[in-house]
Amino acid sequence: MHIAAIVLSLIVCAIHVYILVVEMFLWDKPAGMKTFNLTPEFAKATKVMAGNQGLYNGFLAAGIAWALMAGQRGALLFVLGCVAVAGLYGAATASRKILFVQTVPAGLAMAAVIGLG
C-alpha cells in the first residue's frame, strides 16, 4: 500500500480515537463541552448516549487499525467507507462541520488506497 494511503488512513483512525475519548470520557467536562459546544445541562442529559457514540467511533478506529496491520485493502476501504457515510449523515443531521472532520479525510484516504491520490 502506498505511504499516502497509510498516512491518511492513520489520520482518520486518530480522529476517531480522539472522538472516542471526547464522547466517552470528556463529554460533560469543559474540554468535551467546548469541543461540541454543549451546555452543562445538555451534556449531563446526553452523557450515556454520547458514550455509546464514542464506542462506535472506537470501533471505526479499531477497524482501520486492524485493516492496516493485516494489510487488508478491501477491509480498509469498507471501514473508510463507513466513516464517510457516517460523516455524511452527521453533516446532514447534526453539523456541517462533520463533513470536513470525517467525510473529507475518509474520502481522501479512500482515494489514496485505490490509487487516485
C-alpha atoms as a PDB file:
ATOM      1  CA  MET A   1       0.000   0.000   0.000  1.00  0.00           C
ATOM      2  CA  HIS A   2       1.256   3.485  -0.827  1.00  0.00           C
ATOM      3  CA  ILE A   3       2.591   5.587   2.075  1.00  0.00           C
ATOM      4  CA  ALA A   4      -0.014   8.306   1.430  1.00  0.00           C
ATOM      5  CA  ALA A   5      -2.813   5.748   1.872  1.00  0.00           C
ATOM      6  CA  ILE A   6      -1.315   4.595   5.163  1.00  0.00           C
ATOM      7  CA  VAL A   7      -0.759   8.124   6.485  1.00  0.00           C
ATOM      8  CA  LEU A   8      -4.225   9.349   5.509  1.00  0.00           C
ATOM      9  CA  SER A   9      -5.837   6.219   6.980  1.00  0.00           C
ATOM     10  CA  LEU A  10      -3.898   6.718  10.227  1.00  0.00           C
ATOM     11  CA  ILE A  11      -5.130  10.315  10.376  1.00  0.00           C
ATOM     12  CA  VAL A  12      -8.734   9.095  10.070  1.00  0.00           C
ATOM     13  CA  CYS A  13      -8.005   6.496  12.744  1.00  0.00           C
ATOM     14  CA  ALA A  14      -6.552   9.156  15.077  1.00  0.00           C
ATOM     15  CA  ILE A  15      -9.576  11.426  14.532  1.00  0.00           C
ATOM     16  CA  HIS A  16     -11.853   8.596  15.650  1.00  0.00           C
ATOM     17  CA  VAL A  17      -9.741   7.779  18.689  1.00  0.00           C
ATOM     18  CA  TYR A  18      -9.989  11.461  19.630  1.00  0.00           C
ATOM     19  CA  ILE A  19     -13.765  11.410  19.144  1.00  0.00           C
ATOM     20  CA  LEU A  20     -13.963   8.250  21.294  1.00  0.00           C
ATOM     21  CA  VAL A  21     -12.077   9.965  24.131  1.00  0.00           C
ATOM     22  CA  VAL A  22     -14.182  13.122  23.982  1.00  0.00           C
ATOM     23  CA  GLU A  23     -17.527  11.342  23.713  1.00  0.00           C
ATOM     24  CA  MET A  24     -16.827   8.596  26.252  1.00  0.00           C
ATOM     25  CA  PHE A  25     -14.721  10.373  28.865  1.00  0.00           C
ATOM     26  CA  LEU A  26     -14.857  14.155  28.405  1.00  0.00           C
ATOM     27  CA  TRP A  27     -18.436  14.759  27.245  1.00  0.00           C
ATOM     28  CA  ASP A  28     -19.535  16.560  30.417  1.00  0.00           C
ATOM     29  CA  LYS A  29     -16.123  18.071  31.172  1.00  0.00           C
ATOM     30  CA  PRO A  30     -15.013  21.519  29.993  1.00  0.00           C
ATOM     31  CA  ALA A  31     -12.937  20.105  27.103  1.00  0.00           C
ATOM     32  CA  GLY A  32     -15.816  17.977  25.821  1.00  0.00           C
ATOM     33  CA  MET A  33     -18.406  20.690  26.188  1.00  0.00           C
ATOM     34  CA  LYS A  34     -16.138  23.147  24.359  1.00  0.00           C
ATOM     35  CA  THR A  35     -15.409  20.660  21.549  1.00  0.00           C
ATOM     36  CA  PHE A  36     -19.110  20.094  20.850  1.00  0.00           C
ATOM     37  CA  ASN A  37     -20.398  23.486  22.063  1.00  0.00           C
ATOM     38  CA  LEU A  38     -22.590  21.920  24.770  1.00  0.00           C
ATOM     39  CA  THR A  39     -24.333  23.390  27.751  1.00  0.00           C
ATOM     40  CA  PRO A  40     -23.716  21.627  31.067  1.00  0.00           C
ATOM     41  CA  GLU A  41     -27.384  20.610  31.193  1.00  0.00           C
ATOM     42  CA  PHE A  42     -27.342  19.087  27.717  1.00  0.00           C
ATOM     43  CA  ALA A  43     -24.044  17.319  28.385  1.00  0.00           C
ATOM     44  CA  LYS A  44     -25.417  15.771  31.571  1.00  0.00           C
ATOM     45  CA  ALA A  45     -28.660  14.697  29.892  1.00  0.00           C
ATOM     46  CA  THR A  46     -26.895  13.089  26.921  1.00  0.00           C
ATOM     47  CA  LYS A  47     -23.797  11.621  28.585  1.00  0.00           C
ATOM     48  CA  VAL A  48     -24.864   7.964  28.195  1.00  0.00           C
ATOM     49  CA  MET A  49     -25.841   8.462  24.557  1.00  0.00           C
ATOM     50  CA  ALA A  50     -22.528  10.177  23.837  1.00  0.00           C
ATOM     51  CA  GLY A  51     -20.637   7.306  25.448  1.00  0.00           C
ATOM     52  CA  ASN A  52     -22.385   4.897  23.109  1.00  0.00           C
ATOM     53  CA  GLN A  53     -21.496   7.084  20.130  1.00  0.00           C
ATOM     54  CA  GLY A  54     -17.908   7.189  21.316  1.00  0.00           C
ATOM     55  CA  LEU A  55     -17.774   3.419  21.444  1.00  0.00           C
ATOM     56  CA  TYR A  56     -18.919   3.222  17.819  1.00  0.00           C
ATOM     57  CA  ASN A  57     -16.228   5.708  16.823  1.00  0.00           C
ATOM     58  CA  GLY A  58     -13.741   3.488  18.615  1.00  0.00           C
ATOM     59  CA  PHE A  59     -14.899   0.530  16.547  1.00  0.00           C
ATOM     60  CA  LEU A  60     -14.258   2.545  13.380  1.00  0.00           C
ATOM     61  CA  ALA A  61     -10.742   3.380  14.604  1.00  0.00           C
ATOM     62  CA  ALA A  62     -10.128  -0.271  15.513  1.00  0.00           C
ATOM     63  CA  GLY A  63     -11.324  -1.390  12.087  1.00  0.00           C
ATOM     64  CA  ILE A  64      -8.931   0.976  10.357  1.00  0.00           C
ATOM     65  CA  ALA A  65      -6.023  -0.068  12.582  1.00  0.00           C
ATOM     66  CA  TRP A  66      -6.761  -3.775  12.070  1.00  0.00           C
ATOM     67  CA  ALA A  67      -7.099  -3.420   8.291  1.00  0.00           C
ATOM     68  CA  LEU A  68      -3.793  -1.558   8.108  1.00  0.00           C
ATOM     69  CA  MET A  69      -1.950  -4.063  10.309  1.00  0.00           C
ATOM     70  CA  ALA A  70      -3.382  -7.029   8.407  1.00  0.00           C
ATOM     71  CA  GLY A  71      -2.787  -5.440   5.015  1.00  0.00           C
ATOM     72  CA  GLN A  72      -6.467  -5.879   4.187  1.00  0.00           C
ATOM     73  CA  ARG A  73      -7.063  -3.274   1.483  1.00  0.00           C
ATOM     74  CA  GLY A  74     -10.699  -4.270   0.948  1.00  0.00           C
ATOM     75  CA  ALA A  75     -11.477  -4.124   4.657  1.00  0.00           C
ATOM     76  CA  LEU A  76      -9.765  -0.737   4.905  1.00  0.00           C
ATOM     77  CA  LEU A  77     -11.893   0.607   2.070  1.00  0.00           C
ATOM     78  CA  PHE A  78     -15.011  -0.781   3.749  1.00  0.00           C
ATOM     79  CA  VAL A  79     -14.274   0.865   7.112  1.00  0.00           C
ATOM     80  CA  LEU A  80     -13.250   4.157   5.500  1.00  0.00           C
ATOM     81  CA  GLY A  81     -16.495   3.999   3.521  1.00  0.00           C
ATOM     82  CA  CYS A  82     -18.404   3.530   6.771  1.00  0.00           C
ATOM     83  CA  VAL A  83     -16.654   6.611   8.178  1.00  0.00           C
ATOM     84  CA  ALA A  84     -17.552   8.616   5.064  1.00  0.00           C
ATOM     85  CA  VAL A  85     -21.225   7.587   5.218  1.00  0.00           C
ATOM     86  CA  ALA A  86     -21.402   8.314   8.958  1.00  0.00           C
ATOM     87  CA  GLY A  87     -19.921  11.736   8.242  1.00  0.00           C
ATOM     88  CA  LEU A  88     -22.472  12.427   5.520  1.00  0.00           C
ATOM     89  CA  TYR A  89     -25.301  11.503   7.860  1.00  0.00           C
ATOM     90  CA  GLY A  90     -23.837  13.590  10.674  1.00  0.00           C
ATOM     91  CA  ALA A  91     -23.376  16.566   8.364  1.00  0.00           C
ATOM     92  CA  ALA A  92     -26.982  16.283   7.178  1.00  0.00           C
ATOM     93  CA  THR A  93     -28.487  15.856  10.642  1.00  0.00           C
ATOM     94  CA  ALA A  94     -26.190  17.445  13.212  1.00  0.00           C
ATOM     95  CA  SER A  95     -23.477  19.777  11.904  1.00  0.00           C
ATOM     96  CA  ARG A  96     -21.943  20.529   8.515  1.00  0.00           C
ATOM     97  CA  LYS A  97     -18.577  20.596  10.275  1.00  0.00           C
ATOM     98  CA  ILE A  98     -18.750  16.783  10.449  1.00  0.00           C
ATOM     99  CA  LEU A  99     -18.420  16.663   6.671  1.00  0.00           C
ATOM    100  CA  PHE A 100     -14.930  18.163   6.956  1.00  0.00           C
ATOM    101  CA  VAL A 101     -13.910  16.276  10.095  1.00  0.00           C
ATOM    102  CA  GLN A 102     -14.992  12.798   8.953  1.00  0.00           C
ATOM    103  CA  THR A 103     -16.106  12.540   5.331  1.00  0.00           C
ATOM    104  CA  VAL A 104     -13.387  14.555   3.615  1.00  0.00           C
ATOM    105  CA  PRO A 105     -10.469  12.808   5.394  1.00  0.00           C
ATOM    106  CA  ALA A 106     -12.063   9.388   4.807  1.00  0.00           C
ATOM    107  CA  GLY A 107     -12.648  10.204   1.143  1.00  0.00           C
ATOM    108  CA  LEU A 108      -9.053  11.317   0.690  1.00  0.00           C
ATOM    109  CA  ALA A 109      -7.807   8.162   2.398  1.00  0.00           C
ATOM    110  CA  MET A 110     -10.050   6.013   0.188  1.00  0.00           C
ATOM    111  CA  ALA A 111      -8.770   7.789  -2.931  1.00  0.00           C
ATOM    112  CA  ALA A 112      -5.194   7.116  -1.839  1.00  0.00           C
ATOM    113  CA  VAL A 113      -5.964   3.456  -1.091  1.00  0.00           C
ATOM    114  CA  ILE A 114      -7.443   2.887  -4.540  1.00  0.00           C
ATOM    115  CA  GLY A 115      -4.606   4.808  -6.149  1.00  0.00           C
ATOM    116  CA  LEU A 116      -6.254   8.056  -7.146  1.00  0.00           C
ATOM    117  CA  GLY A 117      -4.059  10.190  -4.902  1.00  0.00           C
END
